[in-house]
Amino acid sequence: MPTPQAFARTVRHPGPPDPERIVSLEGQAMQLDFTLEAGLSLRDAISIPLSRAGLDGGTVRFSNLKIAALHFLMPALAVDDQHAAFYSAPHAMEEGTVIEYACATYGRKDGEPFVHCHAIWRGRDGQRQGGHLMMEKTIVGQTAPAQAWGLHDATMATRYDPETNFTLFYPTRLSDQAVVATGKRVVLARIRPDQDLTLAVEQACAAHDMRNAIVRGSVGSIIGAEFEDGRVLDDRATEILIRAGEVRDGIGRLDIGLVNPQGQVCEGVLARGCNPVLICFELVLEEQ
């Protein structure tokens, strides 16, 4: 196992660290433009079109989505030593909420479609908040476009993770057949705790001989945050998504949206080398 990097902000997990800190696989890129249908739960609005298109695992992005009902969780400190961090109690927002931007990981849980989504939204009063959406209870209020990137022969499947004591997504092949991409590739990856997020994105690219890539999928958590402009957030638990991310000539740049345990939103470009993953980070890269 590589020597762990020293960070100003750290947490302790209940289980032993896995020696493989970045897990990834690649395949032939799929891209899909589709519609989120009004009246459906966000889970169904995403999973039904992707399943029909044969996209088995990947990521979805959407913005400016009017919601009829929004249910969510926020990051929270753990109440015992069984987890490094946890979730808040459920919250709900009234009709009229608009999701400004969101990113969702699409995969499988117990063989069925499963969606993990982080979002930033504003309520009818104009206040901005964010968090982890409860997808089966959040209802699309008005039909809107969305985009997906992923693979047809691999998915993000949930499995128990002893290190964090959570059930988490894991890049998983759906066939034993060798996969040879003949054009643009997509990489599905999971980054484990205590890896600097920007450096880990670079390492995931390097592992697949990608010098240039766009970050399409970006759902996870980091320990507080340190931004390129010098701002530092000392919150232990956060949830984030990447607003715009890329790797150019092997160097990454990640512009994120972050939510702290109070539901406050903070945005900006992460300082490279200073931002350790908290629980995990689900990453989808598209080769450029």
Protein backbone atom coordinates (compact mmCIF):
# COMPACT_ATOMS: atom_id res chain seq x y z
CA MET A 1 0.00 0.00 0.00
CA PRO A 2 1.35 3.50 -0.82
CA THR A 3 2.37 5.73 2.07
CA PRO A 4 -0.73 7.70 3.12
CA GLN A 5 -0.66 11.40 2.33
CA ALA A 6 -0.69 13.76 5.32
CA PHE A 7 -3.64 16.15 5.35
CA ALA A 8 -4.58 19.02 7.64
CA ARG A 9 -8.09 17.52 7.95
CA THR A 10 -8.49 13.80 8.62
CA VAL A 11 -11.00 11.33 10.04
CA ARG A 12 -10.74 7.77 11.29
CA HIS A 13 -12.77 4.96 9.75
CA PRO A 14 -13.95 1.91 11.68
CA GLY A 15 -12.41 -0.76 9.42
CA PRO A 16 -8.96 -1.52 7.99
CA PRO A 17 -8.01 0.42 4.84
CA ASP A 18 -8.22 -1.48 1.57
CA PRO A 19 -4.88 -1.52 -0.27
CA GLU A 20 -6.52 -0.58 -3.60
CA ARG A 21 -7.40 3.09 -3.15
CA ILE A 22 -8.77 3.78 -6.64
CA VAL A 23 -10.91 1.10 -8.30
CA SER A 24 -11.74 1.61 -11.98
CA LEU A 25 -12.68 0.01 -15.28
CA GLU A 26 -13.13 1.29 -18.83
CA GLY A 27 -15.28 0.61 -21.86
CA GLN A 28 -16.76 1.96 -25.05
CA ALA A 29 -18.39 5.32 -24.34
CA MET A 30 -22.14 5.72 -24.46
CA GLN A 31 -23.84 9.13 -24.38
CA LEU A 32 -27.57 9.69 -24.14
CA ASP A 33 -29.77 12.77 -24.31
CA PHE A 34 -33.14 12.06 -22.74
CA THR A 35 -36.11 13.63 -20.98
CA LEU A 36 -37.02 13.63 -17.29
CA GLU A 37 -40.77 13.11 -17.40
CA ALA A 38 -43.07 15.18 -15.17
CA GLY A 39 -44.94 13.22 -12.51
CA LEU A 40 -42.32 10.49 -12.16
CA SER A 41 -39.99 10.07 -9.21
CA LEU A 42 -36.46 11.14 -10.09
CA ARG A 43 -35.39 7.51 -9.66
CA ASP A 44 -37.83 6.33 -12.33
CA ALA A 45 -37.34 9.40 -14.55
CA ILE A 46 -33.65 8.45 -14.79
CA SER A 47 -33.64 4.66 -14.61
CA ILE A 48 -36.42 3.93 -17.13
CA PRO A 49 -34.87 5.81 -20.12
CA LEU A 50 -31.34 4.56 -19.33
CA SER A 51 -32.50 0.98 -19.01
CA ARG A 52 -34.37 1.22 -22.34
CA ALA A 53 -31.24 2.61 -24.01
CA GLY A 54 -29.05 -0.19 -22.66
CA LEU A 55 -26.86 2.11 -20.59
CA ASP A 56 -26.05 -0.13 -17.61
CA GLY A 57 -23.92 2.15 -15.45
CA GLY A 58 -22.67 5.71 -15.49
CA THR A 59 -23.73 9.22 -14.62
CA VAL A 60 -26.55 11.68 -15.27
CA ARG A 61 -26.52 15.49 -15.23
CA PHE A 62 -29.44 17.90 -15.29
CA SER A 63 -30.15 21.51 -14.36
CA ASN A 64 -32.98 24.02 -13.91
CA LEU A 65 -35.40 21.25 -12.97
CA LYS A 66 -38.70 22.24 -11.37
CA ILE A 67 -39.67 19.85 -8.59
CA ALA A 68 -43.16 18.96 -7.33
CA ALA A 69 -41.79 17.41 -4.12
CA LEU A 70 -38.20 17.34 -2.91
CA HIS A 71 -36.98 15.06 -0.10
CA PHE A 72 -33.34 15.03 0.97
CA LEU A 73 -30.65 14.32 3.54
CA MET A 74 -27.69 16.47 4.53
CA PRO A 75 -24.23 15.38 5.69
CA ALA A 76 -23.91 14.97 9.46
CA LEU A 77 -21.40 13.96 12.09
CA ALA A 78 -21.54 10.36 13.27
CA VAL A 79 -23.19 9.75 16.63
CA ASP A 80 -20.98 6.71 17.45
CA ASP A 81 -17.70 5.10 16.39
CA GLN A 82 -19.29 2.88 13.74
CA HIS A 83 -18.92 5.48 10.96
CA ALA A 84 -16.68 8.46 10.26
CA ALA A 85 -19.74 10.53 9.29
CA PHE A 86 -23.42 9.95 8.64
CA TYR A 87 -26.64 11.50 7.33
CA SER A 88 -29.09 13.96 8.85
CA ALA A 89 -32.73 13.19 9.46
CA PRO A 90 -34.90 13.49 6.32
CA HIS A 91 -35.95 16.98 5.17
CA ALA A 92 -38.50 18.14 2.61
CA MET A 93 -38.97 21.22 0.42
CA GLU A 94 -42.26 22.62 -0.84
CA GLU A 95 -43.47 22.68 -4.42
CA GLY A 96 -41.78 25.41 -6.44
CA THR A 97 -38.24 24.33 -5.62
CA VAL A 98 -35.87 24.43 -8.61
CA ILE A 99 -32.79 22.22 -8.78
CA GLU A 100 -30.07 24.49 -10.17
CA TYR A 101 -27.71 21.63 -11.01
CA ALA A 102 -27.34 17.98 -10.06
CA CYS A 103 -25.26 14.91 -10.75
CA ALA A 104 -26.37 11.32 -10.22
CA THR A 105 -24.55 7.99 -10.31
CA TYR A 106 -26.62 5.32 -12.04
CA GLY A 107 -26.04 1.67 -11.14
CA ARG A 108 -27.56 -1.33 -9.42
CA LYS A 109 -28.49 -2.40 -5.91
CA ASP A 110 -29.51 -6.02 -5.39
CA GLY A 111 -29.75 -6.33 -9.17
CA GLU A 112 -32.25 -3.48 -9.54
CA PRO A 113 -31.61 0.06 -10.91
CA PHE A 114 -30.32 2.42 -8.23
CA VAL A 115 -29.53 6.14 -8.37
CA HIS A 116 -27.36 8.21 -5.99
CA CYS A 117 -27.74 11.97 -6.53
CA HIS A 118 -26.33 15.18 -5.06
CA ALA A 119 -27.86 18.53 -6.01
CA ILE A 120 -27.95 22.26 -5.35
CA TRP A 121 -31.37 23.93 -5.42
CA ARG A 122 -33.24 27.08 -4.49
CA GLY A 123 -36.58 27.27 -2.75
CA ARG A 124 -39.52 29.55 -3.47
CA ASP A 125 -37.92 32.08 -1.11
CA GLY A 126 -34.76 32.10 -3.24
CA GLN A 127 -32.62 30.46 -0.55
CA ARG A 128 -30.02 28.03 -1.88
CA GLN A 129 -29.49 24.64 -0.25
CA GLY A 130 -28.16 21.27 -1.24
CA GLY A 131 -27.73 17.68 -0.24
CA HIS A 132 -28.37 14.04 -1.00
CA LEU A 133 -31.71 13.53 -2.78
CA MET A 134 -34.12 10.78 -1.75
CA MET A 135 -34.79 9.75 -5.32
CA GLU A 136 -37.90 7.64 -4.86
CA LYS A 137 -39.68 10.50 -3.03
CA THR A 138 -38.50 13.44 -5.14
CA ILE A 139 -41.02 14.09 -7.93
CA VAL A 140 -40.31 15.80 -11.26
CA GLY A 141 -42.59 18.85 -11.52
CA GLN A 142 -41.97 19.80 -15.14
CA THR A 143 -40.47 17.83 -18.03
CA ALA A 144 -36.82 18.73 -18.57
CA PRO A 145 -33.78 17.54 -20.55
CA ALA A 146 -30.94 15.48 -19.05
CA GLN A 147 -27.72 13.87 -20.27
CA ALA A 148 -26.10 10.57 -19.39
CA TRP A 149 -22.65 9.07 -19.99
CA GLY A 150 -21.70 5.51 -19.25
CA LEU A 151 -21.21 1.93 -20.41
CA HIS A 152 -23.43 -0.84 -21.73
CA ASP A 153 -21.38 -3.73 -20.30
CA ALA A 154 -20.52 -2.49 -16.81
CA THR A 155 -22.23 -0.77 -13.92
CA MET A 156 -21.76 0.73 -10.48
CA ALA A 157 -23.06 -2.03 -8.19
CA THR A 158 -23.46 -1.65 -4.45
CA ARG A 159 -21.54 -3.84 -2.02
CA TYR A 160 -20.61 -3.66 1.65
CA ASP A 161 -17.36 -1.82 2.39
CA PRO A 162 -15.66 -2.94 5.65
CA GLU A 163 -13.38 0.10 5.78
CA THR A 164 -16.18 2.67 6.06
CA ASN A 165 -19.00 0.36 7.28
CA PHE A 166 -21.24 1.63 4.46
CA THR A 167 -22.74 -0.07 1.42
CA LEU A 168 -21.18 1.78 -1.52
CA PHE A 169 -21.02 1.74 -5.31
CA TYR A 170 -18.27 -0.32 -6.92
CA PRO A 171 -17.33 -0.48 -10.65
CA THR A 172 -18.47 -3.91 -11.81
CA ARG A 173 -18.27 -5.81 -15.10
CA LEU A 174 -21.48 -7.45 -16.28
CA SER A 175 -19.73 -9.91 -18.59
CA ASP A 176 -16.56 -12.01 -18.53
CA GLN A 177 -15.86 -11.11 -22.14
CA ALA A 178 -12.84 -8.92 -22.83
CA VAL A 179 -13.83 -5.33 -23.59
CA VAL A 180 -11.98 -3.48 -26.37
CA ALA A 181 -13.02 0.13 -26.93
CA THR A 182 -12.75 1.13 -30.60
CA GLY A 183 -13.44 4.82 -30.07
CA LYS A 184 -13.89 7.23 -27.20
CA ARG A 185 -13.75 5.57 -23.78
CA VAL A 186 -15.56 6.09 -20.49
CA VAL A 187 -14.02 5.14 -17.14
CA LEU A 188 -16.12 4.23 -14.09
CA ALA A 189 -14.18 4.64 -10.86
CA ARG A 190 -14.51 4.74 -7.11
CA ILE A 191 -12.04 6.66 -4.96
CA ARG A 192 -11.55 5.48 -1.38
CA PRO A 193 -11.03 7.72 1.70
CA ASP A 194 -7.98 9.89 2.38
CA GLN A 195 -7.02 10.36 -1.26
CA ASP A 196 -6.76 13.92 -2.50
CA LEU A 197 -9.65 14.23 -4.91
CA THR A 198 -7.87 16.13 -7.69
CA LEU A 199 -4.78 13.91 -7.60
CA ALA A 200 -6.95 10.79 -7.54
CA VAL A 201 -8.83 11.95 -10.64
CA GLU A 202 -5.46 12.43 -12.34
CA GLN A 203 -4.37 8.95 -11.22
CA ALA A 204 -7.57 7.38 -12.55
CA CYS A 205 -6.84 8.96 -15.93
CA ALA A 206 -3.22 7.81 -15.87
CA ALA A 207 -4.26 4.24 -15.05
CA HIS A 208 -6.15 4.17 -18.37
CA ASP A 209 -3.57 6.14 -20.40
CA MET A 210 -5.82 9.18 -20.70
CA ARG A 211 -3.98 12.48 -20.90
CA ASN A 212 -7.20 14.44 -21.40
CA ALA A 213 -10.65 13.78 -20.00
CA ILE A 214 -13.84 15.50 -18.84
CA VAL A 215 -15.29 14.66 -15.45
CA ARG A 216 -18.89 13.69 -16.17
CA GLY A 217 -19.77 11.87 -12.94
CA SER A 218 -18.99 13.43 -9.61
CA VAL A 219 -20.90 12.30 -6.53
CA GLY A 220 -19.15 11.96 -3.17
CA SER A 221 -17.78 13.59 -0.06
CA ILE A 222 -14.60 15.30 1.11
CA ILE A 223 -13.38 16.43 4.54
CA GLY A 224 -14.12 20.15 4.63
CA ALA A 225 -12.51 21.90 1.70
CA GLU A 226 -9.59 24.06 0.70
CA PHE A 227 -10.09 26.18 -2.40
CA GLU A 228 -7.65 27.53 -4.95
CA ASP A 229 -8.51 31.10 -3.88
CA GLY A 230 -7.38 30.43 -0.28
CA ARG A 231 -10.76 29.79 1.37
CA VAL A 232 -10.74 26.92 3.88
CA LEU A 233 -13.79 25.13 5.30
CA ASP A 234 -13.15 23.07 8.41
CA ASP A 235 -16.40 21.09 8.31
CA ARG A 236 -15.71 17.41 8.89
CA ALA A 237 -18.64 16.12 6.82
CA THR A 238 -19.56 17.51 3.41
CA GLU A 239 -21.29 16.29 0.28
CA ILE A 240 -20.11 17.50 -3.09
CA LEU A 241 -20.56 17.32 -6.83
CA ILE A 242 -18.31 18.68 -9.53
CA ARG A 243 -19.79 21.58 -11.50
CA ALA A 244 -17.02 21.44 -14.12
CA GLY A 245 -14.01 19.16 -14.08
CA GLU A 246 -11.31 18.15 -16.50
CA VAL A 247 -7.85 16.68 -16.84
CA ARG A 248 -5.63 18.41 -19.38
CA ASP A 249 -2.16 17.01 -20.14
CA GLY A 250 -2.46 14.93 -16.97
CA ILE A 251 -3.34 17.84 -14.63
CA GLY A 252 -6.78 18.09 -13.06
CA ARG A 253 -8.99 21.04 -12.26
CA LEU A 254 -12.22 20.56 -10.28
CA ASP A 255 -14.83 23.29 -9.79
CA ILE A 256 -17.21 21.95 -7.13
CA GLY A 257 -20.46 22.63 -5.34
CA LEU A 258 -20.33 21.67 -1.66
CA VAL A 259 -22.95 21.32 1.08
CA ASN A 260 -22.03 21.35 4.78
CA PRO A 261 -24.04 19.87 7.70
CA GLN A 262 -26.03 23.12 8.00
CA GLY A 263 -27.12 22.89 4.37
CA GLN A 264 -25.01 25.85 3.33
CA VAL A 265 -23.67 25.91 -0.21
CA CYS A 266 -20.07 26.77 -1.11
CA GLU A 267 -18.59 26.71 -4.60
CA GLY A 268 -15.16 27.06 -6.18
CA VAL A 269 -12.08 25.36 -7.60
CA LEU A 270 -10.38 22.90 -5.24
CA ALA A 271 -6.76 23.42 -4.28
CA ARG A 272 -4.76 20.53 -5.72
CA GLY A 273 -3.34 18.16 -3.11
CA CYS A 274 -5.31 19.46 -0.10
CA ASN A 275 -8.73 17.79 -0.16
CA PRO A 276 -9.05 14.21 1.08
CA VAL A 277 -12.09 12.09 0.22
CA LEU A 278 -14.28 11.44 3.28
CA ILE A 279 -16.31 8.26 2.57
CA CYS A 280 -15.97 7.71 -1.17
CA PHE A 281 -16.16 9.48 -4.50
CA GLU A 282 -17.97 8.08 -7.54
CA LEU A 283 -16.23 9.18 -10.71
CA VAL A 284 -17.11 8.93 -14.39
CA LEU A 285 -14.51 10.15 -16.90
CA GLU A 286 -15.04 10.69 -20.62
CA GLU A 287 -11.93 10.53 -22.78
CA GLN A 288 -11.14 13.62 -24.86
